[in-house]
Amino acid sequence: MLAPFQFLVRDWQNFTLDDPSTPSDFASMESEMDAYLVSVIADRDALDLKETRQQISTCFSKVSSYLLPHPGIPVTKKTFDGDPSKVDPIFLSLLDRYVRRVFGNEMEPKEIQGRTLTSRELGAYVKAYSEIFKGGNEFPKVRKGGAKRVCRRADNMKRFDSYYGNIPYAINIYDMRPAIRRQSQ
């Protein structure tokens, strides 16, 4: 089963609406995001990134994008203290909608090769695959060997967690042996 993939773009400046205020305004902005993605993924005459676009389209069950504007100049200052009132309200509104979309009721557990991942395993996969994509401009060729290494690493991590999870039990049994011997004498 293929997984969905979403591009999250920050500092997007090309929304039609400059000052959205109603839910329908934000919905209109999200429609613009969908239209933008279609235009980016669409076939073109130039062969510049044709193979990359095709791989993205075929590697994932659903490809989507979400575009966020710049959070505002105060956020870029060294003196920014994390105060949300200093963040651009449009950025905050779109960020809120994005977070609700990603972590809302429609969120499904992540699976690889039909097996549901734990959060720790997912982190390992993200780290391993980000290493593959580190190369830069060229879309990486993920070889079966690389994917197998990632799967093996996740399986080893699961065994490691299981082993260390059982250590307290093993120690308790070991500590109880002298008491068990004394009782049997």
N, C-alpha and C. Protein backbone atom coordinates (compact mmCIF):
# COMPACT_ATOMS: atom_id res chain seq x y z
N MET A 1 0.84 -1.18 0.00
CA MET A 1 0.00 0.00 0.00
C MET A 1 0.89 1.24 0.00
N LEU A 2 0.62 2.16 -0.89
CA LEU A 2 1.39 3.39 -0.97
C LEU A 2 0.85 4.40 0.02
N ALA A 3 1.72 5.23 0.51
CA ALA A 3 1.35 6.24 1.50
C ALA A 3 1.10 7.58 0.83
N PRO A 4 0.33 8.44 1.47
CA PRO A 4 0.16 9.80 0.95
C PRO A 4 1.41 10.64 1.24
N PHE A 5 1.59 11.72 0.50
CA PHE A 5 2.74 12.60 0.68
C PHE A 5 2.26 14.03 0.54
N GLN A 6 2.78 14.91 1.40
CA GLN A 6 2.37 16.31 1.32
C GLN A 6 3.59 17.22 1.37
N PHE A 7 3.62 18.16 0.45
CA PHE A 7 4.64 19.21 0.46
C PHE A 7 4.12 20.33 1.35
N LEU A 8 4.92 20.77 2.30
CA LEU A 8 4.58 21.92 3.13
C LEU A 8 5.54 23.03 2.73
N VAL A 9 4.97 24.11 2.18
CA VAL A 9 5.78 25.22 1.69
C VAL A 9 5.53 26.44 2.56
N ARG A 10 6.59 27.01 3.07
CA ARG A 10 6.46 28.23 3.87
C ARG A 10 6.95 29.42 3.06
N ASP A 11 6.50 30.60 3.43
CA ASP A 11 6.86 31.87 2.77
C ASP A 11 6.22 32.00 1.40
N TRP A 12 5.06 31.38 1.21
CA TRP A 12 4.33 31.50 -0.05
C TRP A 12 3.73 32.90 -0.14
N GLN A 13 3.93 33.57 -1.27
CA GLN A 13 3.49 34.96 -1.41
C GLN A 13 2.43 35.17 -2.48
N ASN A 14 1.98 34.12 -3.13
CA ASN A 14 1.16 34.31 -4.31
C ASN A 14 -0.32 33.97 -4.14
N PHE A 15 -0.88 34.19 -2.95
CA PHE A 15 -2.31 33.99 -2.78
C PHE A 15 -3.07 35.14 -3.43
N THR A 16 -4.24 34.83 -3.99
CA THR A 16 -5.06 35.86 -4.60
C THR A 16 -5.60 36.82 -3.55
N LEU A 17 -6.02 36.27 -2.41
CA LEU A 17 -6.55 37.10 -1.32
C LEU A 17 -5.41 37.61 -0.44
N ASP A 18 -5.40 38.92 -0.21
CA ASP A 18 -4.37 39.48 0.65
C ASP A 18 -4.78 39.50 2.12
N ASP A 19 -6.10 39.57 2.36
CA ASP A 19 -6.57 39.71 3.73
C ASP A 19 -7.77 38.80 3.99
N PRO A 20 -7.55 37.49 4.04
CA PRO A 20 -8.67 36.57 4.27
C PRO A 20 -9.20 36.72 5.70
N SER A 21 -10.51 36.60 5.83
CA SER A 21 -11.07 36.76 7.17
C SER A 21 -12.16 35.74 7.49
N THR A 22 -12.73 35.11 6.47
CA THR A 22 -13.81 34.16 6.71
C THR A 22 -13.35 32.75 6.38
N PRO A 23 -14.04 31.74 6.90
CA PRO A 23 -13.68 30.36 6.55
C PRO A 23 -13.70 30.11 5.04
N SER A 24 -14.63 30.76 4.33
CA SER A 24 -14.67 30.56 2.87
C SER A 24 -13.45 31.18 2.20
N ASP A 25 -12.92 32.27 2.76
CA ASP A 25 -11.69 32.85 2.22
C ASP A 25 -10.53 31.86 2.35
N PHE A 26 -10.44 31.23 3.53
CA PHE A 26 -9.36 30.27 3.74
C PHE A 26 -9.56 29.02 2.87
N ALA A 27 -10.81 28.61 2.68
CA ALA A 27 -11.10 27.48 1.81
C ALA A 27 -10.68 27.81 0.37
N SER A 28 -10.90 29.06 -0.04
CA SER A 28 -10.49 29.51 -1.36
C SER A 28 -8.97 29.44 -1.50
N MET A 29 -8.27 29.82 -0.43
CA MET A 29 -6.80 29.74 -0.46
C MET A 29 -6.34 28.29 -0.58
N GLU A 30 -7.03 27.40 0.10
CA GLU A 30 -6.67 25.98 0.01
C GLU A 30 -6.95 25.43 -1.38
N SER A 31 -7.98 25.95 -2.05
CA SER A 31 -8.23 25.55 -3.45
C SER A 31 -7.08 26.02 -4.34
N GLU A 32 -6.56 27.22 -4.06
CA GLU A 32 -5.41 27.72 -4.81
C GLU A 32 -4.21 26.80 -4.61
N MET A 33 -4.05 26.28 -3.39
CA MET A 33 -2.94 25.36 -3.12
C MET A 33 -3.05 24.11 -3.98
N ASP A 34 -4.27 23.57 -4.09
CA ASP A 34 -4.49 22.37 -4.91
C ASP A 34 -4.19 22.66 -6.38
N ALA A 35 -4.64 23.82 -6.85
CA ALA A 35 -4.40 24.19 -8.25
C ALA A 35 -2.91 24.37 -8.52
N TYR A 36 -2.21 24.94 -7.57
CA TYR A 36 -0.77 25.13 -7.73
C TYR A 36 -0.06 23.78 -7.85
N LEU A 37 -0.43 22.84 -7.00
CA LEU A 37 0.20 21.51 -7.06
C LEU A 37 -0.05 20.86 -8.41
N VAL A 38 -1.27 20.93 -8.91
CA VAL A 38 -1.59 20.34 -10.21
C VAL A 38 -0.70 20.94 -11.28
N SER A 39 -0.48 22.27 -11.22
CA SER A 39 0.36 22.92 -12.24
C SER A 39 1.83 22.49 -12.11
N VAL A 40 2.29 22.23 -10.90
CA VAL A 40 3.68 21.82 -10.70
C VAL A 40 3.91 20.39 -11.16
N ILE A 41 2.98 19.51 -10.86
CA ILE A 41 3.13 18.08 -11.18
C ILE A 41 2.79 17.79 -12.64
N ALA A 42 2.06 18.68 -13.29
CA ALA A 42 1.60 18.44 -14.67
C ALA A 42 2.78 18.23 -15.62
N ASP A 43 2.52 17.44 -16.66
CA ASP A 43 3.53 17.22 -17.69
C ASP A 43 3.85 18.54 -18.38
N ARG A 44 5.11 18.68 -18.75
CA ARG A 44 5.57 19.87 -19.46
C ARG A 44 6.40 19.45 -20.65
N ASP A 45 6.62 20.38 -21.53
CA ASP A 45 7.46 20.09 -22.69
C ASP A 45 8.92 19.89 -22.29
N ALA A 46 9.37 20.71 -21.32
CA ALA A 46 10.76 20.62 -20.89
C ALA A 46 10.97 19.33 -20.09
N LEU A 47 12.13 18.73 -20.29
CA LEU A 47 12.44 17.48 -19.62
C LEU A 47 13.19 17.71 -18.31
N ASP A 48 13.25 18.98 -17.84
CA ASP A 48 14.07 19.33 -16.69
C ASP A 48 13.86 18.42 -15.48
N LEU A 49 12.65 18.27 -15.03
CA LEU A 49 12.36 17.43 -13.86
C LEU A 49 11.23 16.45 -14.13
N LYS A 50 11.08 16.07 -15.39
CA LYS A 50 9.98 15.18 -15.77
C LYS A 50 10.03 13.87 -14.99
N GLU A 51 11.21 13.26 -14.92
CA GLU A 51 11.34 11.98 -14.22
C GLU A 51 11.03 12.14 -12.73
N THR A 52 11.46 13.25 -12.15
CA THR A 52 11.17 13.50 -10.73
C THR A 52 9.67 13.61 -10.50
N ARG A 53 8.99 14.36 -11.34
CA ARG A 53 7.52 14.52 -11.19
C ARG A 53 6.82 13.17 -11.35
N GLN A 54 7.28 12.37 -12.31
CA GLN A 54 6.66 11.05 -12.51
C GLN A 54 6.90 10.15 -11.30
N GLN A 55 8.10 10.17 -10.75
CA GLN A 55 8.40 9.34 -9.58
C GLN A 55 7.56 9.76 -8.38
N ILE A 56 7.41 11.06 -8.18
CA ILE A 56 6.60 11.54 -7.06
C ILE A 56 5.16 11.08 -7.23
N SER A 57 4.64 11.20 -8.43
CA SER A 57 3.25 10.81 -8.69
C SER A 57 3.01 9.32 -8.53
N THR A 58 4.00 8.49 -8.87
CA THR A 58 3.80 7.05 -8.81
C THR A 58 4.21 6.43 -7.48
N CYS A 59 5.02 7.13 -6.70
CA CYS A 59 5.50 6.57 -5.43
C CYS A 59 4.51 6.74 -4.28
N PHE A 60 3.53 7.60 -4.44
CA PHE A 60 2.62 7.90 -3.33
C PHE A 60 1.17 7.76 -3.77
N SER A 61 0.32 7.32 -2.84
CA SER A 61 -1.10 7.13 -3.16
C SER A 61 -1.80 8.46 -3.40
N LYS A 62 -1.36 9.51 -2.73
CA LYS A 62 -1.96 10.83 -2.89
C LYS A 62 -0.86 11.85 -2.64
N VAL A 63 -0.76 12.82 -3.53
CA VAL A 63 0.21 13.90 -3.36
C VAL A 63 -0.56 15.19 -3.20
N SER A 64 -0.24 15.92 -2.15
CA SER A 64 -0.92 17.19 -1.90
C SER A 64 0.11 18.22 -1.46
N SER A 65 -0.35 19.46 -1.34
CA SER A 65 0.55 20.51 -0.87
C SER A 65 -0.22 21.44 0.06
N TYR A 66 0.51 22.10 0.92
CA TYR A 66 -0.07 23.12 1.77
C TYR A 66 0.91 24.27 1.81
N LEU A 67 0.41 25.46 1.51
CA LEU A 67 1.26 26.63 1.38
C LEU A 67 0.99 27.59 2.53
N LEU A 68 2.04 27.99 3.20
CA LEU A 68 1.92 28.93 4.31
C LEU A 68 2.64 30.23 3.95
N PRO A 69 2.06 31.38 4.29
CA PRO A 69 2.77 32.64 4.06
C PRO A 69 3.92 32.79 5.06
N HIS A 70 4.68 33.85 4.90
CA HIS A 70 5.75 34.15 5.86
C HIS A 70 5.11 34.47 7.21
N PRO A 71 5.69 34.04 8.32
CA PRO A 71 5.08 34.28 9.64
C PRO A 71 5.21 35.72 10.13
N GLY A 72 5.94 36.55 9.41
CA GLY A 72 6.06 37.96 9.78
C GLY A 72 7.48 38.32 10.18
N ILE A 73 7.83 39.59 9.97
CA ILE A 73 9.18 40.09 10.25
C ILE A 73 9.56 39.93 11.73
N PRO A 74 8.65 40.20 12.68
CA PRO A 74 9.07 40.05 14.09
C PRO A 74 9.60 38.65 14.43
N VAL A 75 9.13 37.64 13.74
CA VAL A 75 9.57 36.27 14.00
C VAL A 75 11.04 36.08 13.61
N THR A 76 11.53 36.87 12.68
CA THR A 76 12.91 36.71 12.20
C THR A 76 13.93 37.43 13.08
N LYS A 77 13.48 38.23 14.01
CA LYS A 77 14.39 39.01 14.87
C LYS A 77 15.00 38.13 15.96
N LYS A 78 16.22 38.44 16.35
CA LYS A 78 16.87 37.71 17.43
C LYS A 78 16.10 37.85 18.74
N THR A 79 15.38 38.93 18.88
CA THR A 79 14.66 39.20 20.12
C THR A 79 13.30 38.52 20.18
N PHE A 80 12.93 37.77 19.13
CA PHE A 80 11.62 37.09 19.14
C PHE A 80 11.58 36.09 20.29
N ASP A 81 10.55 36.19 21.11
CA ASP A 81 10.46 35.36 22.32
C ASP A 81 9.40 34.26 22.22
N GLY A 82 8.87 34.04 21.02
CA GLY A 82 7.87 33.00 20.85
C GLY A 82 6.45 33.46 21.09
N ASP A 83 6.26 34.74 21.33
CA ASP A 83 4.93 35.28 21.59
C ASP A 83 4.07 35.17 20.33
N PRO A 84 2.97 34.39 20.39
CA PRO A 84 2.13 34.20 19.20
C PRO A 84 1.47 35.50 18.71
N SER A 85 1.32 36.47 19.57
CA SER A 85 0.69 37.72 19.13
C SER A 85 1.57 38.48 18.14
N LYS A 86 2.86 38.13 18.07
CA LYS A 86 3.78 38.78 17.14
C LYS A 86 3.83 38.07 15.78
N VAL A 87 3.17 36.92 15.70
CA VAL A 87 3.15 36.15 14.45
C VAL A 87 1.98 36.64 13.60
N ASP A 88 2.21 36.72 12.30
CA ASP A 88 1.17 37.17 11.36
C ASP A 88 -0.11 36.34 11.56
N PRO A 89 -1.26 36.99 11.74
CA PRO A 89 -2.50 36.25 12.02
C PRO A 89 -2.93 35.33 10.86
N ILE A 90 -2.64 35.71 9.63
CA ILE A 90 -2.99 34.83 8.50
C ILE A 90 -2.16 33.56 8.56
N PHE A 91 -0.87 33.70 8.88
CA PHE A 91 -0.01 32.53 9.04
C PHE A 91 -0.57 31.62 10.13
N LEU A 92 -0.94 32.20 11.28
CA LEU A 92 -1.47 31.40 12.38
C LEU A 92 -2.77 30.70 12.00
N SER A 93 -3.65 31.40 11.27
CA SER A 93 -4.92 30.79 10.87
C SER A 93 -4.70 29.62 9.93
N LEU A 94 -3.81 29.80 8.94
CA LEU A 94 -3.52 28.71 8.02
C LEU A 94 -2.77 27.57 8.72
N LEU A 95 -1.89 27.91 9.63
CA LEU A 95 -1.18 26.88 10.38
C LEU A 95 -2.15 26.06 11.22
N ASP A 96 -3.12 26.73 11.82
CA ASP A 96 -4.14 26.04 12.61
C ASP A 96 -4.93 25.07 11.72
N ARG A 97 -5.32 25.53 10.54
CA ARG A 97 -6.06 24.67 9.62
C ARG A 97 -5.20 23.49 9.17
N TYR A 98 -3.92 23.74 8.94
CA TYR A 98 -3.01 22.67 8.52
C TYR A 98 -2.88 21.61 9.62
N VAL A 99 -2.63 22.05 10.84
CA VAL A 99 -2.45 21.12 11.96
C VAL A 99 -3.72 20.30 12.18
N ARG A 100 -4.87 20.93 12.08
CA ARG A 100 -6.13 20.20 12.25
C ARG A 100 -6.31 19.17 11.13
N ARG A 101 -5.87 19.53 9.93
CA ARG A 101 -5.97 18.60 8.81
C ARG A 101 -5.04 17.40 9.00
N VAL A 102 -3.82 17.67 9.41
CA VAL A 102 -2.83 16.60 9.56
C VAL A 102 -3.13 15.70 10.76
N PHE A 103 -3.50 16.30 11.88
CA PHE A 103 -3.66 15.53 13.11
C PHE A 103 -5.12 15.33 13.49
N GLY A 104 -6.04 15.61 12.59
CA GLY A 104 -7.47 15.46 12.87
C GLY A 104 -7.91 14.01 12.86
N ASN A 105 -9.21 13.82 12.79
CA ASN A 105 -9.80 12.49 12.86
C ASN A 105 -9.43 11.59 11.69
N GLU A 106 -8.98 12.18 10.60
CA GLU A 106 -8.66 11.39 9.42
C GLU A 106 -7.26 10.79 9.46
N MET A 107 -6.51 11.07 10.51
CA MET A 107 -5.15 10.56 10.61
C MET A 107 -5.17 9.04 10.80
N GLU A 108 -4.36 8.37 10.02
CA GLU A 108 -4.29 6.91 10.09
C GLU A 108 -2.88 6.50 10.53
N PRO A 109 -2.77 5.36 11.19
CA PRO A 109 -1.43 4.90 11.57
C PRO A 109 -0.58 4.66 10.32
N LYS A 110 0.70 4.94 10.43
CA LYS A 110 1.60 4.75 9.30
C LYS A 110 1.97 3.27 9.20
N GLU A 111 2.02 2.78 7.97
CA GLU A 111 2.36 1.38 7.73
C GLU A 111 3.46 1.30 6.67
N ILE A 112 4.29 0.30 6.81
CA ILE A 112 5.27 -0.02 5.77
C ILE A 112 5.21 -1.52 5.59
N GLN A 113 5.03 -1.92 4.35
CA GLN A 113 4.91 -3.34 3.98
C GLN A 113 3.84 -4.03 4.82
N GLY A 114 2.72 -3.32 5.04
CA GLY A 114 1.57 -3.89 5.73
C GLY A 114 1.69 -3.98 7.25
N ARG A 115 2.77 -3.45 7.80
CA ARG A 115 2.97 -3.50 9.25
C ARG A 115 2.87 -2.10 9.83
N THR A 116 2.04 -1.94 10.86
CA THR A 116 1.87 -0.64 11.52
C THR A 116 3.14 -0.30 12.29
N LEU A 117 3.58 0.95 12.14
CA LEU A 117 4.81 1.40 12.78
C LEU A 117 4.53 2.03 14.13
N THR A 118 5.47 1.87 15.05
CA THR A 118 5.43 2.62 16.30
C THR A 118 6.00 4.00 16.02
N SER A 119 5.82 4.93 16.94
CA SER A 119 6.34 6.28 16.71
C SER A 119 7.86 6.26 16.62
N ARG A 120 8.51 5.43 17.40
CA ARG A 120 9.97 5.34 17.35
C ARG A 120 10.44 4.79 16.01
N GLU A 121 9.76 3.77 15.50
CA GLU A 121 10.11 3.21 14.20
C GLU A 121 9.91 4.24 13.10
N LEU A 122 8.81 4.97 13.18
CA LEU A 122 8.54 6.01 12.18
C LEU A 122 9.67 7.03 12.18
N GLY A 123 10.12 7.41 13.37
CA GLY A 123 11.24 8.35 13.47
C GLY A 123 12.49 7.81 12.80
N ALA A 124 12.74 6.51 12.99
CA ALA A 124 13.91 5.89 12.36
C ALA A 124 13.78 5.90 10.84
N TYR A 125 12.59 5.61 10.34
CA TYR A 125 12.38 5.64 8.89
C TYR A 125 12.56 7.06 8.34
N VAL A 126 12.01 8.04 9.02
CA VAL A 126 12.15 9.43 8.57
C VAL A 126 13.62 9.81 8.53
N LYS A 127 14.36 9.45 9.57
CA LYS A 127 15.79 9.78 9.62
C LYS A 127 16.55 9.07 8.49
N ALA A 128 16.28 7.79 8.30
CA ALA A 128 16.99 7.03 7.27
C ALA A 128 16.67 7.55 5.87
N TYR A 129 15.40 7.80 5.60
CA TYR A 129 15.04 8.28 4.27
C TYR A 129 15.49 9.72 4.04
N SER A 130 15.57 10.53 5.08
CA SER A 130 16.07 11.90 4.89
C SER A 130 17.55 11.85 4.49
N GLU A 131 18.27 10.85 4.98
CA GLU A 131 19.67 10.68 4.56
C GLU A 131 19.74 10.37 3.06
N ILE A 132 18.79 9.58 2.57
CA ILE A 132 18.77 9.23 1.16
C ILE A 132 18.52 10.49 0.32
N PHE A 133 17.65 11.39 0.79
CA PHE A 133 17.28 12.58 0.04
C PHE A 133 18.26 13.73 0.25
N LYS A 134 19.29 13.54 1.03
CA LYS A 134 20.22 14.61 1.36
C LYS A 134 20.98 15.11 0.14
N GLY A 135 21.05 14.29 -0.89
CA GLY A 135 21.89 14.57 -2.05
C GLY A 135 21.70 15.90 -2.74
N GLY A 136 20.54 16.49 -2.72
CA GLY A 136 20.37 17.78 -3.35
C GLY A 136 19.40 17.77 -4.51
N ASN A 137 19.89 18.15 -5.68
CA ASN A 137 19.03 18.41 -6.83
C ASN A 137 18.41 17.18 -7.45
N GLU A 138 19.11 16.07 -7.46
CA GLU A 138 18.64 14.90 -8.18
C GLU A 138 17.74 14.03 -7.31
N PHE A 139 16.64 13.54 -7.88
CA PHE A 139 15.74 12.66 -7.14
C PHE A 139 16.46 11.34 -6.92
N PRO A 140 16.57 10.89 -5.68
CA PRO A 140 17.36 9.68 -5.41
C PRO A 140 16.71 8.42 -5.95
N LYS A 141 17.54 7.50 -6.32
CA LYS A 141 17.08 6.17 -6.71
C LYS A 141 17.13 5.31 -5.46
N VAL A 142 15.97 4.99 -4.91
CA VAL A 142 15.93 4.18 -3.71
C VAL A 142 16.01 2.72 -4.14
N ARG A 143 17.12 2.11 -3.85
CA ARG A 143 17.32 0.72 -4.24
C ARG A 143 16.73 -0.19 -3.18
N LYS A 144 16.41 -1.39 -3.62
CA LYS A 144 15.84 -2.36 -2.68
C LYS A 144 16.77 -2.58 -1.50
N GLY A 145 18.06 -2.59 -1.74
CA GLY A 145 19.02 -2.79 -0.66
C GLY A 145 18.91 -1.70 0.39
N GLY A 146 18.73 -0.46 -0.04
CA GLY A 146 18.59 0.66 0.90
C GLY A 146 17.32 0.53 1.71
N ALA A 147 16.23 0.17 1.05
CA ALA A 147 14.95 0.00 1.75
C ALA A 147 15.04 -1.17 2.73
N LYS A 148 15.73 -2.25 2.32
CA LYS A 148 15.89 -3.39 3.22
C LYS A 148 16.70 -3.00 4.45
N ARG A 149 17.74 -2.18 4.25
CA ARG A 149 18.54 -1.72 5.39
C ARG A 149 17.69 -0.93 6.37
N VAL A 150 16.83 -0.08 5.84
CA VAL A 150 15.96 0.73 6.70
C VAL A 150 15.01 -0.19 7.47
N CYS A 151 14.42 -1.16 6.78
CA CYS A 151 13.50 -2.10 7.44
C CYS A 151 14.24 -2.92 8.50
N ARG A 152 15.46 -3.37 8.16
CA ARG A 152 16.24 -4.16 9.12
C ARG A 152 16.56 -3.33 10.35
N ARG A 153 16.91 -2.06 10.15
CA ARG A 153 17.22 -1.18 11.28
C ARG A 153 16.00 -1.01 12.18
N ALA A 154 14.82 -0.84 11.58
CA ALA A 154 13.59 -0.70 12.38
C ALA A 154 13.29 -1.99 13.14
N ASP A 155 13.49 -3.14 12.49
CA ASP A 155 13.27 -4.42 13.18
C ASP A 155 14.24 -4.61 14.34
N ASN A 156 15.50 -4.24 14.11
CA ASN A 156 16.49 -4.34 15.19
C ASN A 156 16.14 -3.43 16.35
N MET A 157 15.64 -2.24 16.03
CA MET A 157 15.25 -1.31 17.08
C MET A 157 14.10 -1.88 17.90
N LYS A 158 13.17 -2.56 17.23
CA LYS A 158 12.04 -3.18 17.94
C LYS A 158 12.54 -4.28 18.87
N ARG A 159 13.47 -5.10 18.38
CA ARG A 159 14.04 -6.15 19.22
C ARG A 159 14.80 -5.56 20.41
N PHE A 160 15.55 -4.50 20.14
CA PHE A 160 16.31 -3.81 21.18
C PHE A 160 15.37 -3.29 22.27
N ASP A 161 14.27 -2.64 21.87
CA ASP A 161 13.28 -2.14 22.83
C ASP A 161 12.68 -3.28 23.64
N SER A 162 12.38 -4.39 22.97
CA SER A 162 11.81 -5.54 23.66
C SER A 162 12.80 -6.10 24.67
N TYR A 163 14.07 -6.20 24.27
CA TYR A 163 15.11 -6.72 25.15
C TYR A 163 15.23 -5.83 26.39
N TYR A 164 15.39 -4.52 26.17
CA TYR A 164 15.56 -3.62 27.30
C TYR A 164 14.28 -3.48 28.13
N GLY A 165 13.15 -3.69 27.51
CA GLY A 165 11.89 -3.67 28.25
C GLY A 165 11.77 -4.85 29.20
N ASN A 166 12.44 -5.95 28.88
CA ASN A 166 12.38 -7.16 29.72
C ASN A 166 13.51 -7.25 30.74
N ILE A 167 14.46 -6.35 30.69
CA ILE A 167 15.57 -6.40 31.64
C ILE A 167 15.10 -6.31 33.10
N PRO A 168 14.20 -5.40 33.46
CA PRO A 168 13.78 -5.36 34.86
C PRO A 168 13.21 -6.70 35.33
N TYR A 169 12.46 -7.37 34.47
CA TYR A 169 11.90 -8.68 34.80
C TYR A 169 13.03 -9.68 35.02
N ALA A 170 14.01 -9.69 34.12
CA ALA A 170 15.13 -10.62 34.23
C ALA A 170 15.95 -10.33 35.48
N ILE A 171 16.16 -9.08 35.82
CA ILE A 171 16.92 -8.72 37.01
C ILE A 171 16.17 -9.17 38.26
N ASN A 172 14.87 -8.98 38.28
CA ASN A 172 14.08 -9.42 39.44
C ASN A 172 14.19 -10.92 39.65
N ILE A 173 14.16 -11.69 38.58
CA ILE A 173 14.30 -13.14 38.70
C ILE A 173 15.70 -13.47 39.23
N TYR A 174 16.72 -12.80 38.69
CA TYR A 174 18.09 -13.05 39.13
C TYR A 174 18.25 -12.72 40.61
N ASP A 175 17.71 -11.57 41.03
CA ASP A 175 17.81 -11.16 42.43
C ASP A 175 17.06 -12.11 43.35
N MET A 176 16.03 -12.76 42.86
CA MET A 176 15.22 -13.64 43.69
C MET A 176 15.83 -15.03 43.84
N ARG A 177 16.82 -15.40 43.05
CA ARG A 177 17.38 -16.76 43.09
C ARG A 177 17.90 -17.14 44.47
N PRO A 178 18.69 -16.30 45.15
CA PRO A 178 19.15 -16.72 46.48
C PRO A 178 17.98 -16.96 47.44
N ALA A 179 16.94 -16.13 47.34
CA ALA A 179 15.79 -16.31 48.22
C ALA A 179 15.06 -17.60 47.88
N ILE A 180 15.00 -17.94 46.63
CA ILE A 180 14.34 -19.18 46.21
C ILE A 180 15.11 -20.37 46.74
N ARG A 181 16.45 -20.32 46.68
CA ARG A 181 17.28 -21.40 47.18
C ARG A 181 17.09 -21.58 48.69
N ARG A 182 17.08 -20.45 49.42
CA ARG A 182 16.92 -20.54 50.87
C ARG A 182 15.56 -21.16 51.22
N GLN A 183 14.54 -20.82 50.48
CA GLN A 183 13.20 -21.35 50.77
C GLN A 183 13.13 -22.86 50.52
N SER A 184 13.87 -23.33 49.54
CA SER A 184 13.79 -24.75 49.20
C SER A 184 14.63 -25.62 50.14
N GLN A 185 15.52 -25.00 50.93
CA GLN A 185 16.38 -25.78 51.84
C GLN A 185 15.68 -26.13 53.12
